[in-house]
N, C-alpha and C. Protein backbone atom coordinates (compact mmCIF):
# COMPACT_ATOMS: atom_id res chain seq x y z
N UNK A 1 176.82 11.29 77.53
CA UNK A 1 175.89 10.22 77.92
C UNK A 1 174.78 10.15 76.87
N UNK A 2 174.51 8.97 76.29
CA UNK A 2 173.50 8.85 75.26
C UNK A 2 172.12 8.73 75.88
N UNK A 3 171.12 8.66 75.03
CA UNK A 3 169.74 8.66 75.50
C UNK A 3 169.41 7.42 76.31
N UNK A 4 169.94 6.26 75.93
CA UNK A 4 169.65 5.03 76.67
C UNK A 4 170.16 5.11 78.10
N UNK A 5 171.37 5.64 78.29
CA UNK A 5 171.93 5.79 79.62
C UNK A 5 171.13 6.78 80.46
N UNK A 6 170.64 7.84 79.80
CA UNK A 6 169.82 8.83 80.51
C UNK A 6 168.54 8.18 81.01
N UNK A 7 167.90 7.39 80.13
CA UNK A 7 166.67 6.72 80.52
C UNK A 7 166.90 5.74 81.67
N UNK A 8 168.02 5.00 81.58
CA UNK A 8 168.33 4.00 82.61
C UNK A 8 168.50 4.68 83.97
N UNK A 9 169.26 5.75 84.01
CA UNK A 9 169.49 6.49 85.25
C UNK A 9 168.19 7.06 85.79
N UNK A 10 167.39 7.55 84.89
CA UNK A 10 166.10 8.14 85.25
C UNK A 10 165.21 7.10 85.93
N UNK A 11 165.13 5.89 85.33
CA UNK A 11 164.28 4.84 85.87
C UNK A 11 164.79 4.32 87.21
N UNK A 12 166.13 4.21 87.35
CA UNK A 12 166.71 3.68 88.59
C UNK A 12 166.47 4.61 89.76
N UNK A 13 166.57 5.89 89.55
CA UNK A 13 166.43 6.87 90.62
C UNK A 13 164.98 7.29 90.84
N UNK A 14 164.11 6.95 89.85
CA UNK A 14 162.70 7.30 89.90
C UNK A 14 162.50 8.81 90.07
N UNK A 15 163.38 9.56 89.40
CA UNK A 15 163.27 11.01 89.42
C UNK A 15 162.92 11.48 88.01
N UNK A 16 161.94 12.30 87.89
CA UNK A 16 161.55 12.83 86.59
C UNK A 16 162.41 14.04 86.26
N UNK A 17 163.36 13.91 85.39
CA UNK A 17 164.20 15.05 85.06
C UNK A 17 163.46 16.07 84.22
N UNK A 18 163.80 17.27 84.40
CA UNK A 18 163.22 18.33 83.60
C UNK A 18 164.14 18.60 82.42
N UNK A 19 163.69 18.17 81.23
CA UNK A 19 164.48 18.36 80.01
C UNK A 19 163.82 19.44 79.19
N UNK A 20 164.45 20.59 79.09
CA UNK A 20 163.86 21.66 78.32
C UNK A 20 164.13 21.45 76.82
N UNK A 21 163.44 22.24 76.04
CA UNK A 21 163.53 22.10 74.58
C UNK A 21 164.96 22.33 74.08
N UNK A 22 165.69 23.21 74.73
CA UNK A 22 167.06 23.50 74.33
C UNK A 22 167.94 22.26 74.43
N UNK A 23 167.78 21.50 75.53
CA UNK A 23 168.59 20.30 75.70
C UNK A 23 168.19 19.22 74.71
N UNK A 24 166.91 19.12 74.44
CA UNK A 24 166.44 18.14 73.46
C UNK A 24 167.00 18.47 72.07
N UNK A 25 166.98 19.76 71.72
CA UNK A 25 167.54 20.17 70.45
C UNK A 25 169.03 19.84 70.37
N UNK A 26 169.71 19.95 71.50
CA UNK A 26 171.13 19.64 71.53
C UNK A 26 171.37 18.16 71.25
N UNK A 27 170.48 17.31 71.76
CA UNK A 27 170.59 15.89 71.48
C UNK A 27 170.46 15.62 69.98
N UNK A 28 169.47 16.26 69.36
CA UNK A 28 169.27 16.10 67.93
C UNK A 28 170.47 16.63 67.16
N UNK A 29 170.99 17.76 67.61
CA UNK A 29 172.13 18.37 66.94
C UNK A 29 173.34 17.44 66.99
N UNK A 30 173.58 16.80 68.13
CA UNK A 30 174.74 15.91 68.28
C UNK A 30 174.59 14.62 67.48
N UNK A 31 173.38 14.05 67.47
CA UNK A 31 173.17 12.75 66.84
C UNK A 31 172.88 12.85 65.35
N UNK A 32 172.25 13.95 64.91
CA UNK A 32 171.85 14.05 63.51
C UNK A 32 172.65 15.00 62.66
N UNK A 33 173.51 15.81 63.29
CA UNK A 33 174.22 16.83 62.56
C UNK A 33 175.16 16.24 61.50
N UNK A 34 175.84 15.14 61.87
CA UNK A 34 176.77 14.53 60.92
C UNK A 34 176.07 14.05 59.66
N UNK A 35 174.94 13.37 59.83
CA UNK A 35 174.17 12.88 58.68
C UNK A 35 173.62 14.05 57.87
N UNK A 36 173.17 15.09 58.55
CA UNK A 36 172.64 16.27 57.87
C UNK A 36 173.72 16.95 57.03
N UNK A 37 174.90 17.10 57.59
CA UNK A 37 176.00 17.74 56.87
C UNK A 37 176.45 16.90 55.67
N UNK A 38 176.36 15.58 55.79
CA UNK A 38 176.73 14.73 54.66
C UNK A 38 175.75 14.90 53.50
N UNK A 39 174.46 15.08 53.82
CA UNK A 39 173.48 15.31 52.76
C UNK A 39 173.81 16.58 51.98
N UNK A 40 174.15 17.65 52.71
CA UNK A 40 174.52 18.90 52.05
C UNK A 40 175.80 18.73 51.23
N UNK A 41 176.75 17.98 51.78
CA UNK A 41 178.02 17.76 51.08
C UNK A 41 177.80 17.02 49.75
N UNK A 42 176.92 16.03 49.77
CA UNK A 42 176.65 15.28 48.54
C UNK A 42 175.92 16.13 47.51
N UNK A 43 175.01 16.99 47.97
CA UNK A 43 174.34 17.89 47.04
C UNK A 43 175.33 18.85 46.39
N UNK A 44 176.27 19.37 47.18
CA UNK A 44 177.30 20.25 46.63
C UNK A 44 178.21 19.50 45.66
N UNK A 45 178.52 18.26 46.00
CA UNK A 45 179.37 17.44 45.13
C UNK A 45 178.73 17.25 43.76
N UNK A 46 177.44 16.90 43.76
CA UNK A 46 176.74 16.69 42.49
C UNK A 46 176.65 18.00 41.70
N UNK A 47 176.53 19.11 42.40
CA UNK A 47 176.48 20.40 41.72
C UNK A 47 177.80 20.68 41.00
N UNK A 48 178.92 20.42 41.68
CA UNK A 48 180.23 20.63 41.07
C UNK A 48 180.50 19.64 39.94
N UNK A 49 179.96 18.44 40.05
CA UNK A 49 180.17 17.43 39.01
C UNK A 49 179.47 17.81 37.70
N UNK A 50 178.54 18.73 37.78
CA UNK A 50 177.87 19.18 36.56
C UNK A 50 178.82 19.92 35.62
N UNK A 51 179.90 20.48 36.17
CA UNK A 51 180.85 21.22 35.33
C UNK A 51 181.51 20.30 34.31
N UNK A 52 182.16 19.19 34.73
CA UNK A 52 182.71 18.28 33.71
C UNK A 52 181.62 17.64 32.84
N UNK A 53 180.41 17.49 33.40
CA UNK A 53 179.32 16.91 32.60
C UNK A 53 178.93 17.84 31.45
N UNK A 54 178.98 19.15 31.69
CA UNK A 54 178.70 20.10 30.63
C UNK A 54 179.70 19.95 29.48
N UNK A 55 180.97 19.80 29.82
CA UNK A 55 182.00 19.63 28.78
C UNK A 55 181.85 18.29 28.06
N UNK A 56 181.39 17.29 28.79
CA UNK A 56 181.17 15.98 28.16
C UNK A 56 180.05 16.05 27.13
N UNK A 57 179.17 17.03 27.27
CA UNK A 57 178.07 17.19 26.33
C UNK A 57 178.53 17.50 24.92
N UNK A 58 179.75 18.03 24.79
CA UNK A 58 180.30 18.32 23.46
C UNK A 58 180.40 17.03 22.65
N UNK A 59 180.72 15.92 23.32
CA UNK A 59 180.82 14.63 22.65
C UNK A 59 179.48 14.21 22.06
N UNK A 60 178.40 14.45 22.80
CA UNK A 60 177.08 14.08 22.29
C UNK A 60 176.67 14.95 21.11
N UNK A 61 177.09 16.21 21.10
CA UNK A 61 176.84 17.06 19.95
C UNK A 61 177.64 16.56 18.73
N UNK A 62 178.83 16.04 18.99
CA UNK A 62 179.64 15.49 17.92
C UNK A 62 178.96 14.26 17.32
N UNK A 63 178.29 13.47 18.18
CA UNK A 63 177.56 12.30 17.70
C UNK A 63 176.36 12.72 16.86
N UNK A 64 175.51 13.58 17.48
CA UNK A 64 174.32 14.07 16.78
C UNK A 64 173.73 15.20 17.61
N UNK A 65 173.19 16.20 16.92
CA UNK A 65 172.71 17.38 17.65
C UNK A 65 171.46 17.09 18.48
N UNK A 66 170.66 16.08 18.11
CA UNK A 66 169.43 15.80 18.88
C UNK A 66 169.75 15.27 20.28
N UNK A 67 170.52 14.16 20.41
CA UNK A 67 170.87 13.73 21.78
C UNK A 67 171.72 14.77 22.50
N UNK A 68 172.53 15.53 21.74
CA UNK A 68 173.34 16.58 22.36
C UNK A 68 172.48 17.67 22.97
N UNK A 69 171.45 18.10 22.26
CA UNK A 69 170.54 19.13 22.76
C UNK A 69 169.78 18.64 23.99
N UNK A 70 169.26 17.40 23.92
CA UNK A 70 168.55 16.83 25.06
C UNK A 70 169.46 16.74 26.28
N UNK A 71 170.71 16.37 26.06
CA UNK A 71 171.67 16.24 27.16
C UNK A 71 171.89 17.59 27.84
N UNK A 72 172.07 18.65 27.06
CA UNK A 72 172.31 19.97 27.65
C UNK A 72 171.08 20.49 28.39
N UNK A 73 169.89 20.20 27.89
CA UNK A 73 168.68 20.58 28.60
C UNK A 73 168.62 19.87 29.95
N UNK A 74 169.00 18.58 29.97
CA UNK A 74 169.03 17.83 31.22
C UNK A 74 170.04 18.42 32.20
N UNK A 75 171.20 18.85 31.70
CA UNK A 75 172.23 19.42 32.57
C UNK A 75 171.77 20.75 33.17
N UNK A 76 171.12 21.58 32.35
CA UNK A 76 170.63 22.87 32.84
C UNK A 76 169.56 22.66 33.92
N UNK A 77 168.65 21.71 33.65
CA UNK A 77 167.61 21.39 34.63
C UNK A 77 168.24 20.86 35.92
N UNK A 78 169.27 20.02 35.79
CA UNK A 78 169.94 19.45 36.97
C UNK A 78 170.60 20.54 37.80
N UNK A 79 171.15 21.55 37.13
CA UNK A 79 171.81 22.65 37.84
C UNK A 79 170.82 23.38 38.74
N UNK A 80 169.67 23.74 38.20
CA UNK A 80 168.67 24.47 38.99
C UNK A 80 168.05 23.57 40.06
N UNK A 81 167.92 22.28 39.76
CA UNK A 81 167.38 21.34 40.74
C UNK A 81 168.31 21.22 41.95
N UNK A 82 169.61 21.10 41.69
CA UNK A 82 170.57 21.00 42.78
C UNK A 82 170.63 22.28 43.60
N UNK A 83 170.56 23.43 42.93
CA UNK A 83 170.54 24.71 43.64
C UNK A 83 169.30 24.79 44.54
N UNK A 84 168.18 24.31 44.04
CA UNK A 84 166.94 24.33 44.83
C UNK A 84 167.08 23.46 46.07
N UNK A 85 167.67 22.28 45.94
CA UNK A 85 167.84 21.40 47.10
C UNK A 85 168.78 22.03 48.13
N UNK A 86 169.87 22.62 47.67
CA UNK A 86 170.82 23.25 48.58
C UNK A 86 170.19 24.44 49.31
N UNK A 87 169.37 25.20 48.60
CA UNK A 87 168.69 26.34 49.23
C UNK A 87 167.73 25.85 50.30
N UNK A 88 167.02 24.75 50.02
CA UNK A 88 166.07 24.20 50.99
C UNK A 88 166.80 23.70 52.23
N UNK A 89 167.88 22.95 52.03
CA UNK A 89 168.63 22.41 53.17
C UNK A 89 169.34 23.51 53.95
N UNK A 90 169.71 24.57 53.26
CA UNK A 90 170.37 25.68 53.93
C UNK A 90 169.44 26.40 54.89
N UNK A 91 168.14 26.29 54.67
CA UNK A 91 167.16 26.94 55.54
C UNK A 91 166.83 26.09 56.76
N UNK A 92 167.31 24.85 56.80
CA UNK A 92 167.04 23.95 57.93
C UNK A 92 168.14 24.11 58.97
N UNK A 93 167.75 24.41 60.20
CA UNK A 93 168.71 24.57 61.30
C UNK A 93 168.32 23.62 62.42
N UNK A 94 169.10 22.57 62.63
CA UNK A 94 168.77 21.57 63.62
C UNK A 94 168.78 22.12 65.05
N UNK A 95 169.60 23.12 65.29
CA UNK A 95 169.74 23.65 66.65
C UNK A 95 168.63 24.61 67.03
N UNK A 96 168.03 25.27 66.04
CA UNK A 96 167.05 26.31 66.35
C UNK A 96 165.62 25.90 66.04
N UNK A 97 165.42 25.01 65.05
CA UNK A 97 164.07 24.60 64.68
C UNK A 97 163.53 23.57 65.66
N UNK A 98 162.21 23.53 65.80
CA UNK A 98 161.58 22.54 66.66
C UNK A 98 161.66 21.15 66.06
N UNK A 99 161.42 20.14 66.91
CA UNK A 99 161.50 18.75 66.45
C UNK A 99 160.52 18.50 65.32
N UNK A 100 159.30 19.02 65.45
CA UNK A 100 158.28 18.81 64.42
C UNK A 100 158.69 19.48 63.11
N UNK A 101 159.26 20.67 63.21
CA UNK A 101 159.70 21.39 62.01
C UNK A 101 160.81 20.62 61.29
N UNK A 102 161.77 20.12 62.06
CA UNK A 102 162.87 19.35 61.47
C UNK A 102 162.33 18.08 60.82
N UNK A 103 161.41 17.41 61.50
CA UNK A 103 160.83 16.17 60.98
C UNK A 103 160.12 16.42 59.65
N UNK A 104 159.34 17.49 59.57
CA UNK A 104 158.64 17.83 58.33
C UNK A 104 159.62 18.17 57.21
N UNK A 105 160.69 18.90 57.56
CA UNK A 105 161.68 19.30 56.56
C UNK A 105 162.40 18.07 55.98
N UNK A 106 162.80 17.14 56.84
CA UNK A 106 163.51 15.95 56.38
C UNK A 106 162.58 15.06 55.56
N UNK A 107 161.30 14.95 55.96
CA UNK A 107 160.34 14.18 55.19
C UNK A 107 160.14 14.79 53.80
N UNK A 108 160.07 16.11 53.74
CA UNK A 108 159.93 16.80 52.46
C UNK A 108 161.17 16.58 51.60
N UNK A 109 162.34 16.61 52.23
CA UNK A 109 163.59 16.40 51.48
C UNK A 109 163.64 14.97 50.92
N UNK A 110 163.18 14.01 51.71
CA UNK A 110 163.15 12.62 51.25
C UNK A 110 162.24 12.47 50.03
N UNK A 111 161.08 13.15 50.06
CA UNK A 111 160.18 13.12 48.92
C UNK A 111 160.84 13.76 47.69
N UNK A 112 161.61 14.82 47.93
CA UNK A 112 162.32 15.47 46.83
C UNK A 112 163.31 14.51 46.17
N UNK A 113 164.00 13.73 46.99
CA UNK A 113 164.95 12.75 46.45
C UNK A 113 164.22 11.67 45.65
N UNK A 114 163.06 11.24 46.15
CA UNK A 114 162.27 10.24 45.42
C UNK A 114 161.80 10.81 44.08
N UNK A 115 161.35 12.07 44.07
CA UNK A 115 160.98 12.72 42.81
C UNK A 115 162.18 12.81 41.88
N UNK A 116 163.33 13.09 42.44
CA UNK A 116 164.56 13.20 41.65
C UNK A 116 164.86 11.89 40.93
N UNK A 117 164.68 10.78 41.64
CA UNK A 117 164.93 9.46 41.04
C UNK A 117 163.94 9.19 39.91
N UNK A 118 162.66 9.47 40.15
CA UNK A 118 161.64 9.21 39.12
C UNK A 118 161.86 10.09 37.89
N UNK A 119 162.15 11.36 38.12
CA UNK A 119 162.42 12.26 37.00
C UNK A 119 163.68 11.83 36.25
N UNK A 120 164.67 11.36 37.03
CA UNK A 120 165.92 10.91 36.41
C UNK A 120 165.70 9.72 35.50
N UNK A 121 164.85 8.78 35.90
CA UNK A 121 164.56 7.61 35.06
C UNK A 121 163.88 8.05 33.76
N UNK A 122 162.93 8.98 33.86
CA UNK A 122 162.24 9.48 32.66
C UNK A 122 163.24 10.17 31.73
N UNK A 123 164.13 10.98 32.30
CA UNK A 123 165.13 11.68 31.50
C UNK A 123 166.07 10.70 30.81
N UNK A 124 166.43 9.61 31.50
CA UNK A 124 167.29 8.60 30.89
C UNK A 124 166.63 7.98 29.66
N UNK A 125 165.34 7.67 29.78
CA UNK A 125 164.63 7.09 28.65
C UNK A 125 164.58 8.07 27.49
N UNK A 126 164.25 9.33 27.80
CA UNK A 126 164.14 10.38 26.77
C UNK A 126 165.49 10.60 26.08
N UNK A 127 166.59 10.45 26.84
CA UNK A 127 167.91 10.69 26.27
C UNK A 127 168.42 9.49 25.49
N UNK A 128 168.27 8.28 26.05
CA UNK A 128 168.88 7.09 25.45
C UNK A 128 168.25 6.72 24.11
N UNK A 129 166.96 6.98 23.93
CA UNK A 129 166.31 6.62 22.67
C UNK A 129 166.94 7.36 21.48
N UNK A 130 167.01 8.70 21.49
CA UNK A 130 167.67 9.38 20.36
C UNK A 130 169.18 9.14 20.33
N UNK A 131 169.76 8.89 21.51
CA UNK A 131 171.21 8.62 21.55
C UNK A 131 171.54 7.35 20.79
N UNK A 132 170.76 6.29 21.03
CA UNK A 132 171.02 5.01 20.37
C UNK A 132 170.64 5.05 18.89
N UNK A 133 169.58 5.82 18.58
CA UNK A 133 169.12 5.83 17.19
C UNK A 133 169.91 6.79 16.30
N UNK A 134 170.17 8.00 16.83
CA UNK A 134 170.87 9.00 16.03
C UNK A 134 172.36 9.08 16.35
N UNK A 135 172.66 9.15 17.65
CA UNK A 135 174.03 9.44 18.06
C UNK A 135 175.02 8.34 17.80
N UNK A 136 174.73 7.13 18.27
CA UNK A 136 175.70 6.05 18.15
C UNK A 136 176.00 5.66 16.71
N UNK A 137 174.98 5.45 15.84
CA UNK A 137 175.30 5.12 14.45
C UNK A 137 176.14 6.20 13.76
N UNK A 138 175.75 7.47 14.01
CA UNK A 138 176.52 8.56 13.40
C UNK A 138 177.95 8.61 13.90
N UNK A 139 178.13 8.39 15.20
CA UNK A 139 179.47 8.41 15.79
C UNK A 139 180.33 7.27 15.26
N UNK A 140 179.74 6.07 15.19
CA UNK A 140 180.49 4.92 14.67
C UNK A 140 180.82 5.11 13.20
N UNK A 141 179.86 5.71 12.47
CA UNK A 141 180.12 5.95 11.05
C UNK A 141 181.28 6.90 10.84
N UNK A 142 181.35 7.96 11.65
CA UNK A 142 182.46 8.91 11.55
C UNK A 142 183.77 8.28 11.99
N UNK A 143 183.69 7.48 13.05
CA UNK A 143 184.90 6.89 13.61
C UNK A 143 185.53 5.87 12.67
N UNK A 144 184.69 5.08 11.97
CA UNK A 144 185.20 3.99 11.14
C UNK A 144 185.08 4.26 9.65
N UNK A 145 184.64 5.48 9.31
CA UNK A 145 184.61 5.85 7.91
C UNK A 145 183.49 5.21 7.12
N UNK A 146 182.45 4.77 7.80
CA UNK A 146 181.31 4.15 7.12
C UNK A 146 180.11 5.07 7.18
N UNK A 147 179.21 4.88 6.27
CA UNK A 147 177.99 5.67 6.28
C UNK A 147 177.13 5.28 7.47
N UNK A 148 176.54 6.27 8.11
CA UNK A 148 175.77 5.99 9.32
C UNK A 148 174.58 5.08 9.04
N UNK A 149 174.03 5.14 7.82
CA UNK A 149 172.91 4.27 7.49
C UNK A 149 173.34 2.81 7.47
N UNK A 150 174.55 2.54 6.98
CA UNK A 150 175.07 1.17 6.99
C UNK A 150 175.27 0.69 8.42
N UNK A 151 175.76 1.58 9.25
CA UNK A 151 175.95 1.21 10.66
C UNK A 151 174.61 0.98 11.32
N UNK A 152 173.62 1.81 11.01
CA UNK A 152 172.30 1.66 11.61
C UNK A 152 171.65 0.34 11.18
N UNK A 153 171.90 -0.07 9.93
CA UNK A 153 171.35 -1.35 9.48
C UNK A 153 171.99 -2.50 10.24
N UNK A 154 173.28 -2.31 10.62
CA UNK A 154 173.94 -3.33 11.43
C UNK A 154 173.35 -3.37 12.84
N UNK A 155 173.16 -2.16 13.37
CA UNK A 155 172.51 -2.07 14.68
C UNK A 155 170.99 -2.09 14.46
N UNK A 156 170.46 -3.25 14.18
CA UNK A 156 169.04 -3.37 13.88
C UNK A 156 168.20 -3.14 15.13
N UNK A 157 166.89 -3.26 14.98
CA UNK A 157 165.96 -2.96 16.07
C UNK A 157 166.22 -3.83 17.30
N UNK A 158 166.51 -5.10 17.08
CA UNK A 158 166.75 -6.01 18.21
C UNK A 158 167.95 -5.58 19.01
N UNK A 159 169.05 -5.25 18.30
CA UNK A 159 170.26 -4.80 18.98
C UNK A 159 170.01 -3.52 19.77
N UNK A 160 169.27 -2.59 19.17
CA UNK A 160 169.00 -1.32 19.83
C UNK A 160 168.16 -1.52 21.10
N UNK A 161 167.17 -2.40 21.02
CA UNK A 161 166.32 -2.66 22.19
C UNK A 161 167.13 -3.29 23.31
N UNK A 162 167.99 -4.25 22.95
CA UNK A 162 168.83 -4.91 23.96
C UNK A 162 169.79 -3.90 24.60
N UNK A 163 170.43 -3.08 23.77
CA UNK A 163 171.36 -2.06 24.29
C UNK A 163 170.63 -1.06 25.17
N UNK A 164 169.42 -0.67 24.74
CA UNK A 164 168.63 0.27 25.51
C UNK A 164 168.28 -0.31 26.88
N UNK A 165 167.84 -1.56 26.90
CA UNK A 165 167.46 -2.22 28.15
C UNK A 165 168.66 -2.35 29.09
N UNK A 166 169.81 -2.75 28.53
CA UNK A 166 171.02 -2.91 29.35
C UNK A 166 171.44 -1.58 29.96
N UNK A 167 171.43 -0.52 29.16
CA UNK A 167 171.82 0.81 29.64
C UNK A 167 170.90 1.30 30.75
N UNK A 168 169.59 1.13 30.55
CA UNK A 168 168.62 1.60 31.54
C UNK A 168 168.76 0.81 32.84
N UNK A 169 168.81 -0.52 32.75
CA UNK A 169 168.90 -1.36 33.94
C UNK A 169 170.19 -1.09 34.70
N UNK A 170 171.30 -0.99 33.98
CA UNK A 170 172.60 -0.74 34.62
C UNK A 170 172.61 0.61 35.31
N UNK A 171 172.11 1.63 34.63
CA UNK A 171 172.10 2.99 35.20
C UNK A 171 171.19 3.08 36.42
N UNK A 172 170.00 2.48 36.33
CA UNK A 172 169.06 2.51 37.46
C UNK A 172 169.62 1.76 38.65
N UNK A 173 170.22 0.58 38.40
CA UNK A 173 170.80 -0.21 39.50
C UNK A 173 171.93 0.55 40.19
N UNK A 174 172.80 1.16 39.39
CA UNK A 174 173.91 1.94 39.96
C UNK A 174 173.38 3.14 40.74
N UNK A 175 172.37 3.82 40.19
CA UNK A 175 171.81 4.99 40.86
C UNK A 175 171.15 4.60 42.18
N UNK A 176 170.47 3.44 42.20
CA UNK A 176 169.81 2.99 43.42
C UNK A 176 170.83 2.76 44.54
N UNK A 177 171.93 2.09 44.21
CA UNK A 177 172.99 1.84 45.20
C UNK A 177 173.59 3.16 45.67
N UNK A 178 173.83 4.05 44.73
CA UNK A 178 174.42 5.35 45.05
C UNK A 178 173.51 6.17 45.96
N UNK A 179 172.25 6.24 45.62
CA UNK A 179 171.30 7.04 46.40
C UNK A 179 171.06 6.42 47.77
N UNK A 180 171.04 5.10 47.85
CA UNK A 180 170.84 4.45 49.14
C UNK A 180 171.99 4.78 50.09
N UNK A 181 173.21 4.72 49.59
CA UNK A 181 174.38 4.99 50.42
C UNK A 181 174.50 6.47 50.76
N UNK A 182 174.31 7.33 49.79
CA UNK A 182 174.58 8.76 49.98
C UNK A 182 173.41 9.50 50.61
N UNK A 183 172.18 9.10 50.28
CA UNK A 183 171.03 9.87 50.74
C UNK A 183 170.15 9.13 51.75
N UNK A 184 169.61 7.99 51.35
CA UNK A 184 168.60 7.34 52.19
C UNK A 184 169.15 6.87 53.53
N UNK A 185 170.38 6.40 53.57
CA UNK A 185 170.97 5.98 54.84
C UNK A 185 171.10 7.16 55.81
N UNK A 186 171.50 8.31 55.29
CA UNK A 186 171.64 9.50 56.15
C UNK A 186 170.29 10.06 56.56
N UNK A 187 169.32 10.04 55.64
CA UNK A 187 167.97 10.48 56.00
C UNK A 187 167.39 9.58 57.08
N UNK A 188 167.61 8.28 56.94
CA UNK A 188 167.12 7.32 57.93
C UNK A 188 167.75 7.58 59.29
N UNK A 189 169.03 7.91 59.31
CA UNK A 189 169.71 8.18 60.58
C UNK A 189 169.11 9.40 61.27
N UNK A 190 168.80 10.44 60.51
CA UNK A 190 168.19 11.64 61.09
C UNK A 190 166.79 11.34 61.61
N UNK A 191 166.01 10.60 60.83
CA UNK A 191 164.65 10.27 61.24
C UNK A 191 164.62 9.39 62.48
N UNK A 192 165.57 8.44 62.58
CA UNK A 192 165.65 7.60 63.77
C UNK A 192 166.02 8.43 64.99
N UNK A 193 166.89 9.41 64.81
CA UNK A 193 167.26 10.30 65.90
C UNK A 193 166.05 11.11 66.37
N UNK A 194 165.24 11.58 65.41
CA UNK A 194 164.04 12.34 65.76
C UNK A 194 163.05 11.48 66.53
N UNK A 195 162.84 10.24 66.07
CA UNK A 195 161.92 9.33 66.75
C UNK A 195 162.38 9.02 68.17
N UNK A 196 163.69 8.84 68.32
CA UNK A 196 164.23 8.53 69.65
C UNK A 196 164.03 9.69 70.61
N UNK A 197 164.21 10.90 70.10
CA UNK A 197 164.03 12.09 70.94
C UNK A 197 162.55 12.29 71.26
N UNK A 198 161.67 12.03 70.28
CA UNK A 198 160.23 12.16 70.53
C UNK A 198 159.79 11.16 71.60
N UNK A 199 160.34 9.94 71.54
CA UNK A 199 160.00 8.92 72.53
C UNK A 199 160.48 9.33 73.91
N UNK A 200 161.69 9.87 73.97
CA UNK A 200 162.25 10.32 75.24
C UNK A 200 161.46 11.50 75.80
N UNK A 201 161.06 12.39 74.89
CA UNK A 201 160.28 13.56 75.32
C UNK A 201 158.92 13.14 75.85
N UNK A 202 158.32 12.12 75.21
CA UNK A 202 157.04 11.62 75.68
C UNK A 202 157.14 11.00 77.06
N UNK A 203 158.21 10.20 77.27
CA UNK A 203 158.45 9.61 78.59
C UNK A 203 158.64 10.68 79.64
N UNK A 204 159.30 11.75 79.25
CA UNK A 204 159.59 12.83 80.19
C UNK A 204 158.33 13.55 80.62
N UNK A 205 157.33 13.58 79.72
CA UNK A 205 156.09 14.28 80.02
C UNK A 205 155.09 13.42 80.78
N UNK A 206 155.30 12.08 80.76
CA UNK A 206 154.38 11.19 81.46
C UNK A 206 154.56 11.25 82.99
């Protein structure tokens, strides 16, 4: 029986049910556990995806050591960031923690995701600038047997700015869609469950 049906029965019979904290926690566990587990699953997925990303970094070193070095620094930072998120979520227990504790933990996790997006945008800018200036001309020069300076003259400032803008906009747009589906929708589901339980708990105390 969901919360709406419980409220309806309660109002019809005009009986104030005694709902202890254990039962309220069970409601949160049933309604929010799936979304919570999906958040952990996505964090683990991104952690495992760093393995092929590390090997992909060899290509950037082949292009130029500067974007290659920046890329590997980003991957190392991402590894520890993902481990930190998983450790934080692993300490959250929906069945044992109080409603207020869970609410604070999920709010903190949401802020962490927002910081992750902002840091990610900065890292993209820091990476793409040397990648377009050093890496791509050198790579094209090696691939087609031309001197990288000749290739760089072909890829003049206007072309580089346009390519940089397209890469940033495309990456940010894709990341926004990805994060909305994988993270924010699930966080919203947990927060709505918490609000619903708080509202029910308030009615129960009145």
